[in-house]
């Protein structure tokens, strides 16, 4: 089965392809772009994206929205994670955290499965963890160099894709999507 992943992020596509290949799904990256509305939740952003894509694309597809929610920053950057990353990056987040001892955080991922004329089906994954004191590792993308999943000592950027998929928010939401697609 061919499933289009609507994303411009090659790292996300690689993670999805690695995970879904286990059930013989060919994940094909399609960078159609869609407006990411300013909303209060990842679910709202994902549902809006599906509706927008369905207007011009008539194949089975998935899209994903994710966010890093940091306790010591009152949930920031949250739904604005992509914008914040492109604006201040990991270094900026670490700078903002200099005066807080609460380094708890959670990564959230929402995969939306879209098909022509149908409401999206959402799959949610979370990974609790902490924000490191410094950037570590060269794998992955985004906030991976500063996020340490709960119970681990290394950042996502210090892990290979298959190991990261075992713990990550995206890996967990992809697992739920896999179960749905197998039925």
N, C-alpha and C. Protein backbone atom coordinates (compact mmCIF):
# COMPACT_ATOMS: atom_id res chain seq x y z
N UNK A 1 0.85 -1.18 0.00
CA UNK A 1 0.00 0.00 0.00
C UNK A 1 0.89 1.24 0.00
N UNK A 2 0.49 2.23 -0.77
CA UNK A 2 1.22 3.49 -0.82
C UNK A 2 0.47 4.51 0.03
N UNK A 3 1.22 5.18 0.90
CA UNK A 3 0.65 6.19 1.78
C UNK A 3 1.51 7.45 1.67
N UNK A 4 0.88 8.56 1.32
CA UNK A 4 1.61 9.81 1.16
C UNK A 4 1.73 10.51 2.50
N UNK A 5 2.94 10.98 2.80
CA UNK A 5 3.19 11.75 4.01
C UNK A 5 3.38 13.19 3.57
N UNK A 6 2.45 14.03 3.95
CA UNK A 6 2.48 15.44 3.56
C UNK A 6 3.40 16.17 4.53
N UNK A 7 4.65 16.34 4.09
CA UNK A 7 5.64 17.00 4.94
C UNK A 7 6.81 17.46 4.09
N UNK A 8 7.46 18.49 4.52
CA UNK A 8 8.71 18.94 3.92
C UNK A 8 9.91 18.48 4.74
N UNK A 9 9.64 17.77 5.84
CA UNK A 9 10.68 17.37 6.78
C UNK A 9 11.15 15.95 6.46
N UNK A 10 12.34 15.84 5.90
CA UNK A 10 12.88 14.53 5.52
C UNK A 10 13.12 13.63 6.74
N UNK A 11 13.45 14.23 7.87
CA UNK A 11 13.66 13.45 9.09
C UNK A 11 12.39 12.76 9.55
N UNK A 12 11.27 13.48 9.54
CA UNK A 12 9.99 12.89 9.90
C UNK A 12 9.63 11.77 8.93
N UNK A 13 9.85 12.02 7.64
CA UNK A 13 9.52 11.04 6.62
C UNK A 13 10.35 9.77 6.82
N UNK A 14 11.63 9.94 7.14
CA UNK A 14 12.51 8.79 7.36
C UNK A 14 12.02 7.96 8.54
N UNK A 15 11.61 8.61 9.63
CA UNK A 15 11.12 7.89 10.80
C UNK A 15 9.84 7.12 10.47
N UNK A 16 8.92 7.76 9.73
CA UNK A 16 7.67 7.09 9.36
C UNK A 16 7.93 5.93 8.42
N UNK A 17 8.80 6.13 7.45
CA UNK A 17 9.12 5.08 6.48
C UNK A 17 9.72 3.86 7.19
N UNK A 18 10.65 4.10 8.11
CA UNK A 18 11.29 3.01 8.85
C UNK A 18 10.25 2.23 9.65
N UNK A 19 9.35 2.92 10.30
CA UNK A 19 8.35 2.26 11.15
C UNK A 19 7.29 1.53 10.32
N UNK A 20 6.73 2.19 9.31
CA UNK A 20 5.61 1.61 8.55
C UNK A 20 6.05 0.56 7.54
N UNK A 21 7.34 0.52 7.21
CA UNK A 21 7.82 -0.52 6.28
C UNK A 21 7.63 -1.91 6.89
N UNK A 22 7.55 -1.98 8.21
CA UNK A 22 7.36 -3.26 8.90
C UNK A 22 6.03 -3.91 8.55
N UNK A 23 5.07 -3.11 8.08
CA UNK A 23 3.76 -3.66 7.68
C UNK A 23 3.52 -3.43 6.18
N UNK A 24 4.62 -3.36 5.44
CA UNK A 24 4.58 -3.24 3.98
C UNK A 24 3.83 -2.02 3.47
N UNK A 25 4.00 -0.91 4.14
CA UNK A 25 3.43 0.34 3.66
C UNK A 25 4.57 1.19 3.13
N UNK A 26 4.41 1.63 1.91
CA UNK A 26 5.40 2.48 1.26
C UNK A 26 5.04 3.93 1.55
N UNK A 27 5.83 4.58 2.37
CA UNK A 27 5.59 5.97 2.73
C UNK A 27 6.32 6.86 1.72
N UNK A 28 5.54 7.67 1.01
CA UNK A 28 6.08 8.55 -0.01
C UNK A 28 5.91 10.00 0.45
N UNK A 29 7.02 10.71 0.51
CA UNK A 29 6.97 12.11 0.94
C UNK A 29 6.37 12.97 -0.16
N UNK A 30 5.43 13.82 0.22
CA UNK A 30 4.80 14.75 -0.71
C UNK A 30 4.75 16.11 0.00
N UNK A 31 5.49 17.06 -0.52
CA UNK A 31 5.56 18.37 0.13
C UNK A 31 4.55 19.31 -0.51
N UNK A 32 3.28 19.15 -0.14
CA UNK A 32 2.22 20.01 -0.68
C UNK A 32 2.11 21.33 0.08
N UNK A 33 2.56 21.32 1.31
CA UNK A 33 2.43 22.51 2.14
C UNK A 33 0.97 22.74 2.51
N UNK A 34 0.75 23.23 3.67
CA UNK A 34 -0.59 23.59 4.12
C UNK A 34 -0.45 24.62 5.24
N UNK A 35 -1.44 25.48 5.38
CA UNK A 35 -1.32 26.51 6.43
C UNK A 35 -1.43 25.91 7.82
N UNK A 36 -0.49 26.27 8.68
CA UNK A 36 -0.57 25.85 10.07
C UNK A 36 -1.20 26.99 10.85
N UNK A 37 -2.47 26.81 11.16
CA UNK A 37 -3.22 27.85 11.84
C UNK A 37 -2.67 28.05 13.26
N UNK A 38 -2.89 29.23 13.78
CA UNK A 38 -2.56 29.51 15.18
C UNK A 38 -3.73 29.00 16.00
N UNK A 39 -3.51 27.94 16.76
CA UNK A 39 -4.59 27.29 17.50
C UNK A 39 -4.08 26.94 18.90
N UNK A 40 -5.01 26.48 19.72
CA UNK A 40 -4.67 26.13 21.09
C UNK A 40 -4.16 24.69 21.24
N UNK A 41 -4.39 23.86 20.21
CA UNK A 41 -3.99 22.46 20.34
C UNK A 41 -3.42 21.92 19.03
N UNK A 42 -2.58 20.89 19.17
CA UNK A 42 -2.03 20.22 18.01
C UNK A 42 -3.14 19.56 17.19
N UNK A 43 -4.17 19.07 17.87
CA UNK A 43 -5.29 18.42 17.19
C UNK A 43 -5.97 19.38 16.21
N UNK A 44 -6.20 20.62 16.65
CA UNK A 44 -6.84 21.62 15.78
C UNK A 44 -5.98 21.90 14.55
N UNK A 45 -4.68 22.02 14.75
CA UNK A 45 -3.76 22.29 13.63
C UNK A 45 -3.80 21.14 12.63
N UNK A 46 -3.74 19.90 13.14
CA UNK A 46 -3.74 18.72 12.27
C UNK A 46 -5.06 18.59 11.50
N UNK A 47 -6.18 18.78 12.16
CA UNK A 47 -7.48 18.65 11.49
C UNK A 47 -7.64 19.72 10.41
N UNK A 48 -7.20 20.92 10.68
CA UNK A 48 -7.26 21.98 9.68
C UNK A 48 -6.39 21.61 8.47
N UNK A 49 -5.20 21.07 8.74
CA UNK A 49 -4.30 20.66 7.67
C UNK A 49 -4.92 19.59 6.78
N UNK A 50 -5.58 18.59 7.39
CA UNK A 50 -6.23 17.53 6.62
C UNK A 50 -7.32 18.12 5.73
N UNK A 51 -8.15 18.98 6.28
CA UNK A 51 -9.24 19.59 5.51
C UNK A 51 -8.67 20.35 4.30
N UNK A 52 -7.61 21.09 4.52
CA UNK A 52 -6.98 21.87 3.45
C UNK A 52 -6.41 20.94 2.36
N UNK A 53 -5.71 19.89 2.75
CA UNK A 53 -5.11 18.95 1.79
C UNK A 53 -6.19 18.24 0.99
N UNK A 54 -7.28 17.84 1.65
CA UNK A 54 -8.36 17.12 0.98
C UNK A 54 -8.99 17.92 -0.17
N UNK A 55 -8.88 19.23 -0.13
CA UNK A 55 -9.45 20.07 -1.19
C UNK A 55 -8.74 19.88 -2.53
N UNK A 56 -7.48 19.44 -2.51
CA UNK A 56 -6.74 19.34 -3.76
C UNK A 56 -5.99 18.01 -3.96
N UNK A 57 -6.16 17.07 -3.04
CA UNK A 57 -5.40 15.82 -3.11
C UNK A 57 -6.36 14.67 -2.84
N UNK A 58 -6.42 13.69 -3.75
CA UNK A 58 -7.43 12.64 -3.63
C UNK A 58 -6.86 11.25 -3.36
N UNK A 59 -5.77 11.20 -2.61
CA UNK A 59 -5.14 9.92 -2.26
C UNK A 59 -5.07 9.79 -0.74
N UNK A 60 -4.78 8.58 -0.27
CA UNK A 60 -4.60 8.36 1.17
C UNK A 60 -3.34 9.08 1.62
N UNK A 61 -3.41 9.77 2.75
CA UNK A 61 -2.25 10.50 3.22
C UNK A 61 -2.25 10.61 4.74
N UNK A 62 -1.08 10.96 5.24
CA UNK A 62 -0.93 11.30 6.65
C UNK A 62 -0.21 12.64 6.73
N UNK A 63 -0.46 13.33 7.81
CA UNK A 63 0.34 14.51 8.15
C UNK A 63 0.53 14.47 9.65
N UNK A 64 1.50 15.22 10.12
CA UNK A 64 1.81 15.19 11.54
C UNK A 64 2.10 16.58 12.04
N UNK A 65 1.61 16.84 13.23
CA UNK A 65 1.99 18.06 13.92
C UNK A 65 2.54 17.61 15.28
N UNK A 66 3.57 18.28 15.71
CA UNK A 66 4.20 17.90 16.97
C UNK A 66 4.61 19.15 17.73
N UNK A 67 4.80 18.99 19.01
CA UNK A 67 5.24 20.12 19.82
C UNK A 67 6.01 19.67 21.04
N UNK A 68 6.87 20.54 21.50
CA UNK A 68 7.64 20.33 22.72
C UNK A 68 7.05 21.25 23.78
N UNK A 69 6.57 20.66 24.87
CA UNK A 69 5.91 21.41 25.94
C UNK A 69 6.82 21.31 27.17
N UNK A 70 7.39 22.45 27.57
CA UNK A 70 8.38 22.49 28.66
C UNK A 70 7.74 23.06 29.92
N UNK A 71 7.74 22.27 30.98
CA UNK A 71 7.11 22.69 32.24
C UNK A 71 7.67 24.01 32.76
N UNK A 72 9.00 24.13 32.80
CA UNK A 72 9.65 25.32 33.35
C UNK A 72 9.39 26.59 32.54
N UNK A 73 8.85 26.42 31.32
CA UNK A 73 8.49 27.57 30.47
C UNK A 73 6.97 27.64 30.28
N UNK A 74 6.24 27.03 31.23
CA UNK A 74 4.77 27.03 31.22
C UNK A 74 4.18 26.48 29.92
N UNK A 75 4.79 25.40 29.42
CA UNK A 75 4.27 24.75 28.22
C UNK A 75 4.83 25.27 26.91
N UNK A 76 5.60 26.34 26.98
CA UNK A 76 6.22 26.91 25.78
C UNK A 76 7.32 25.98 25.30
N UNK A 77 7.57 25.84 24.02
CA UNK A 77 6.94 26.46 22.87
C UNK A 77 5.64 25.81 22.41
N UNK A 78 5.32 24.61 22.86
CA UNK A 78 4.02 24.00 22.57
C UNK A 78 3.65 23.99 21.10
N UNK A 79 2.44 24.50 20.80
CA UNK A 79 1.95 24.48 19.41
C UNK A 79 2.79 25.38 18.50
N UNK A 80 3.64 26.21 19.07
CA UNK A 80 4.48 27.11 18.27
C UNK A 80 5.90 26.56 18.10
N UNK A 81 6.09 25.27 18.36
CA UNK A 81 7.43 24.67 18.38
C UNK A 81 8.20 24.86 17.08
N UNK A 82 7.57 24.66 15.94
CA UNK A 82 8.29 24.80 14.67
C UNK A 82 8.76 26.24 14.48
N UNK A 83 7.86 27.18 14.73
CA UNK A 83 8.21 28.60 14.57
C UNK A 83 9.35 28.98 15.53
N UNK A 84 9.23 28.56 16.77
CA UNK A 84 10.25 28.89 17.77
C UNK A 84 11.59 28.25 17.39
N UNK A 85 11.55 27.01 16.92
CA UNK A 85 12.80 26.36 16.53
C UNK A 85 13.48 27.15 15.41
N UNK A 86 12.71 27.55 14.41
CA UNK A 86 13.29 28.28 13.27
C UNK A 86 13.71 29.69 13.65
N UNK A 87 13.16 30.20 14.75
CA UNK A 87 13.49 31.56 15.19
C UNK A 87 14.68 31.60 16.16
N UNK A 88 14.63 30.76 17.22
CA UNK A 88 15.70 30.82 18.23
C UNK A 88 16.46 29.50 18.39
N UNK A 89 15.89 28.40 17.88
CA UNK A 89 16.57 27.11 17.92
C UNK A 89 16.79 26.56 19.31
N UNK A 90 17.56 25.51 19.38
CA UNK A 90 17.87 24.86 20.66
C UNK A 90 18.63 25.80 21.59
N UNK A 91 19.56 26.56 21.02
CA UNK A 91 20.34 27.50 21.85
C UNK A 91 19.43 28.51 22.54
N UNK A 92 18.43 28.99 21.83
CA UNK A 92 17.48 29.94 22.40
C UNK A 92 16.66 29.34 23.53
N UNK A 93 16.23 28.11 23.35
CA UNK A 93 15.47 27.42 24.41
C UNK A 93 16.36 27.25 25.64
N UNK A 94 17.60 26.81 25.44
CA UNK A 94 18.51 26.64 26.58
C UNK A 94 18.75 27.97 27.29
N UNK A 95 18.84 29.05 26.54
CA UNK A 95 19.02 30.39 27.13
C UNK A 95 17.80 30.75 27.98
N UNK A 96 16.60 30.50 27.46
CA UNK A 96 15.38 30.80 28.21
C UNK A 96 15.30 29.99 29.51
N UNK A 97 15.93 28.83 29.52
CA UNK A 97 15.85 27.94 30.69
C UNK A 97 16.95 28.16 31.72
N UNK A 98 17.83 29.12 31.48
CA UNK A 98 18.94 29.35 32.41
C UNK A 98 18.50 29.62 33.83
N UNK A 99 17.35 30.24 34.02
CA UNK A 99 16.91 30.63 35.35
C UNK A 99 15.87 29.68 35.95
N UNK A 100 15.64 28.54 35.32
CA UNK A 100 14.67 27.59 35.87
C UNK A 100 15.33 26.25 36.15
N UNK A 101 14.95 25.66 37.26
CA UNK A 101 15.48 24.34 37.60
C UNK A 101 14.54 23.23 37.13
N UNK A 102 13.31 23.59 36.79
CA UNK A 102 12.34 22.59 36.32
C UNK A 102 12.60 22.32 34.84
N UNK A 103 13.22 21.20 34.55
CA UNK A 103 13.59 20.86 33.17
C UNK A 103 12.68 19.79 32.57
N UNK A 104 11.58 19.47 33.28
CA UNK A 104 10.64 18.48 32.76
C UNK A 104 9.99 19.00 31.48
N UNK A 105 9.76 18.06 30.56
CA UNK A 105 9.14 18.42 29.29
C UNK A 105 8.42 17.20 28.73
N UNK A 106 7.57 17.44 27.77
CA UNK A 106 6.92 16.34 27.06
C UNK A 106 6.86 16.70 25.58
N UNK A 107 7.22 15.74 24.75
CA UNK A 107 7.06 15.86 23.31
C UNK A 107 5.71 15.23 22.97
N UNK A 108 4.89 15.91 22.18
CA UNK A 108 3.61 15.36 21.73
C UNK A 108 3.58 15.32 20.22
N UNK A 109 2.99 14.27 19.69
CA UNK A 109 2.85 14.08 18.25
C UNK A 109 1.41 13.70 17.93
N UNK A 110 0.88 14.32 16.89
CA UNK A 110 -0.45 13.97 16.39
C UNK A 110 -0.30 13.60 14.92
N UNK A 111 -0.55 12.33 14.60
CA UNK A 111 -0.64 11.94 13.20
C UNK A 111 -2.10 11.97 12.81
N UNK A 112 -2.38 12.57 11.66
CA UNK A 112 -3.73 12.59 11.12
C UNK A 112 -3.73 11.78 9.83
N UNK A 113 -4.65 10.83 9.76
CA UNK A 113 -4.83 9.99 8.57
C UNK A 113 -5.99 10.55 7.79
N UNK A 114 -5.74 10.89 6.54
CA UNK A 114 -6.78 11.49 5.71
C UNK A 114 -7.07 10.66 4.49
N UNK A 115 -8.35 10.60 4.16
CA UNK A 115 -8.76 9.98 2.91
C UNK A 115 -9.87 10.83 2.32
N UNK A 116 -10.02 10.80 1.01
CA UNK A 116 -10.99 11.67 0.35
C UNK A 116 -12.39 11.58 0.96
N UNK A 117 -12.94 12.74 1.30
CA UNK A 117 -14.31 12.84 1.78
C UNK A 117 -14.58 12.34 3.19
N UNK A 118 -13.55 11.96 3.92
CA UNK A 118 -13.74 11.42 5.27
C UNK A 118 -13.12 12.35 6.31
N UNK A 119 -13.66 12.28 7.54
CA UNK A 119 -13.06 13.02 8.65
C UNK A 119 -11.71 12.40 8.97
N UNK A 120 -10.76 13.21 9.43
CA UNK A 120 -9.45 12.65 9.78
C UNK A 120 -9.54 11.74 11.00
N UNK A 121 -8.65 10.76 11.03
CA UNK A 121 -8.50 9.89 12.20
C UNK A 121 -7.17 10.29 12.83
N UNK A 122 -7.20 10.59 14.13
CA UNK A 122 -6.02 11.10 14.83
C UNK A 122 -5.38 10.03 15.70
N UNK A 123 -4.04 10.07 15.75
CA UNK A 123 -3.25 9.15 16.55
C UNK A 123 -2.26 9.98 17.36
N UNK A 124 -2.35 9.87 18.68
CA UNK A 124 -1.58 10.75 19.57
C UNK A 124 -0.50 9.95 20.30
N UNK A 125 0.69 10.51 20.32
CA UNK A 125 1.79 9.90 21.06
C UNK A 125 2.49 10.94 21.92
N UNK A 126 2.95 10.52 23.08
CA UNK A 126 3.66 11.41 23.99
C UNK A 126 4.93 10.75 24.50
N UNK A 127 5.93 11.57 24.73
CA UNK A 127 7.17 11.09 25.33
C UNK A 127 7.59 12.09 26.40
N UNK A 128 7.44 11.72 27.68
CA UNK A 128 7.94 12.60 28.74
C UNK A 128 9.46 12.53 28.81
N UNK A 129 10.05 13.59 29.30
CA UNK A 129 11.50 13.61 29.44
C UNK A 129 11.96 14.89 30.10
N UNK A 130 13.20 15.24 29.81
CA UNK A 130 13.79 16.46 30.36
C UNK A 130 14.59 17.18 29.28
N UNK A 131 14.83 18.45 29.54
CA UNK A 131 15.67 19.25 28.65
C UNK A 131 17.10 19.21 29.22
N UNK A 132 18.04 18.87 28.36
CA UNK A 132 19.44 18.78 28.78
C UNK A 132 20.01 20.17 29.06
N UNK A 133 21.16 20.22 29.67
CA UNK A 133 21.83 21.49 29.96
C UNK A 133 22.52 22.05 28.72
N UNK A 134 22.94 21.15 27.82
CA UNK A 134 23.65 21.54 26.60
C UNK A 134 23.15 20.69 25.44
N UNK A 135 23.45 21.12 24.22
CA UNK A 135 23.12 20.31 23.04
C UNK A 135 24.08 19.14 22.96
N UNK A 136 23.53 17.95 22.64
CA UNK A 136 24.34 16.74 22.53
C UNK A 136 23.84 15.90 21.37
N UNK A 137 24.78 15.41 20.55
CA UNK A 137 24.44 14.49 19.48
C UNK A 137 24.28 15.18 18.14
N UNK A 138 24.36 14.38 17.09
CA UNK A 138 24.27 14.94 15.74
C UNK A 138 23.22 14.24 14.87
N UNK A 139 22.47 13.31 15.44
CA UNK A 139 21.41 12.63 14.68
C UNK A 139 20.10 13.39 14.86
N UNK A 140 19.11 12.99 14.09
CA UNK A 140 17.78 13.57 14.25
C UNK A 140 17.68 14.98 13.72
N UNK A 141 16.74 15.73 14.29
CA UNK A 141 16.45 17.08 13.81
C UNK A 141 15.69 17.84 14.90
N UNK A 142 15.47 19.09 14.66
CA UNK A 142 14.69 19.90 15.60
C UNK A 142 15.31 19.95 16.98
N UNK A 143 14.48 19.69 17.98
CA UNK A 143 14.90 19.77 19.38
C UNK A 143 15.60 18.49 19.88
N UNK A 144 15.85 17.54 18.99
CA UNK A 144 16.47 16.27 19.40
C UNK A 144 17.77 16.44 20.21
N UNK A 145 18.63 17.43 19.91
CA UNK A 145 19.87 17.57 20.68
C UNK A 145 19.70 18.02 22.13
N UNK A 146 18.48 18.47 22.52
CA UNK A 146 18.29 18.92 23.90
C UNK A 146 17.23 18.12 24.65
N UNK A 147 16.64 17.12 24.02
CA UNK A 147 15.57 16.35 24.68
C UNK A 147 16.07 14.96 25.07
N UNK A 148 15.96 14.66 26.36
CA UNK A 148 16.33 13.35 26.90
C UNK A 148 15.04 12.64 27.31
N UNK A 149 14.70 11.52 26.64
CA UNK A 149 13.48 10.82 27.02
C UNK A 149 13.57 10.25 28.42
N UNK A 150 12.43 10.17 29.10
CA UNK A 150 12.37 9.69 30.48
C UNK A 150 13.06 8.35 30.66
N UNK A 151 13.86 8.25 31.72
CA UNK A 151 14.55 7.01 32.05
C UNK A 151 15.83 6.77 31.25
N UNK A 152 16.18 7.70 30.36
CA UNK A 152 17.38 7.55 29.53
C UNK A 152 18.39 8.62 29.92
N UNK A 153 19.62 8.45 29.46
CA UNK A 153 20.68 9.42 29.77
C UNK A 153 21.16 10.16 28.53
N UNK A 154 20.70 9.73 27.36
CA UNK A 154 21.13 10.35 26.11
C UNK A 154 19.98 11.09 25.45
N UNK A 155 20.32 12.13 24.68
CA UNK A 155 19.32 12.87 23.93
C UNK A 155 18.88 12.05 22.71
N UNK A 156 17.76 12.45 22.11
CA UNK A 156 17.32 11.82 20.86
C UNK A 156 18.40 11.92 19.78
N UNK A 157 19.14 13.02 19.78
CA UNK A 157 20.17 13.23 18.76
C UNK A 157 21.38 12.32 18.95
N UNK A 158 21.46 11.67 20.10
CA UNK A 158 22.53 10.71 20.35
C UNK A 158 22.09 9.28 20.00
N UNK A 159 20.86 9.13 19.52
CA UNK A 159 20.31 7.81 19.19
C UNK A 159 20.14 7.66 17.68
N UNK A 160 20.20 6.41 17.21
CA UNK A 160 19.87 6.11 15.83
C UNK A 160 18.35 6.11 15.68
N UNK A 161 17.84 6.26 14.45
CA UNK A 161 16.41 6.37 14.21
C UNK A 161 15.61 5.22 14.82
N UNK A 162 16.08 3.98 14.64
CA UNK A 162 15.31 2.84 15.15
C UNK A 162 15.23 2.86 16.68
N UNK A 163 16.29 3.30 17.35
CA UNK A 163 16.27 3.40 18.81
C UNK A 163 15.35 4.54 19.25
N UNK A 164 15.47 5.69 18.60
CA UNK A 164 14.61 6.83 18.92
C UNK A 164 13.14 6.46 18.75
N UNK A 165 12.81 5.72 17.69
CA UNK A 165 11.42 5.32 17.44
C UNK A 165 10.84 4.47 18.57
N UNK A 166 11.70 3.81 19.35
CA UNK A 166 11.22 3.01 20.48
C UNK A 166 10.68 3.87 21.62
N UNK A 167 11.13 5.10 21.72
CA UNK A 167 10.76 5.97 22.84
C UNK A 167 9.97 7.21 22.43
N UNK A 168 10.16 7.65 21.22
CA UNK A 168 9.68 8.98 20.84
C UNK A 168 8.17 9.10 20.74
N UNK A 169 7.72 10.32 20.88
CA UNK A 169 6.32 10.69 20.70
C UNK A 169 5.85 10.28 19.30
N UNK A 170 6.69 10.51 18.31
CA UNK A 170 6.34 10.17 16.92
C UNK A 170 6.27 8.66 16.75
N UNK A 171 7.22 7.95 17.36
CA UNK A 171 7.19 6.49 17.31
C UNK A 171 5.91 5.92 17.92
N UNK A 172 5.46 6.52 19.02
CA UNK A 172 4.24 6.05 19.70
C UNK A 172 3.00 6.35 18.87
N UNK A 173 2.92 7.54 18.27
CA UNK A 173 1.75 7.84 17.44
C UNK A 173 1.78 7.01 16.15
N UNK A 174 2.97 6.75 15.62
CA UNK A 174 3.09 5.88 14.44
C UNK A 174 2.68 4.45 14.76
N UNK A 175 2.99 3.99 15.97
CA UNK A 175 2.59 2.64 16.40
C UNK A 175 1.06 2.52 16.38
N UNK A 176 0.38 3.55 16.87
CA UNK A 176 -1.09 3.55 16.86
C UNK A 176 -1.62 3.58 15.43
N UNK A 177 -0.98 4.37 14.58
CA UNK A 177 -1.36 4.42 13.16
C UNK A 177 -1.16 3.05 12.52
N UNK A 178 -0.04 2.39 12.81
CA UNK A 178 0.23 1.05 12.28
C UNK A 178 -0.88 0.07 12.66
N UNK A 179 -1.28 0.08 13.94
CA UNK A 179 -2.34 -0.81 14.39
C UNK A 179 -3.63 -0.55 13.63
N UNK A 180 -3.95 0.71 13.41
CA UNK A 180 -5.15 1.09 12.65
C UNK A 180 -5.07 0.58 11.20
N UNK A 181 -3.92 0.75 10.57
CA UNK A 181 -3.76 0.36 9.17
C UNK A 181 -3.76 -1.15 8.98
N UNK A 182 -3.33 -1.88 10.00
CA UNK A 182 -3.32 -3.34 9.92
C UNK A 182 -4.72 -3.95 9.98
N UNK A 183 -5.69 -3.20 10.50
CA UNK A 183 -7.06 -3.73 10.65
C UNK A 183 -7.90 -3.54 9.44
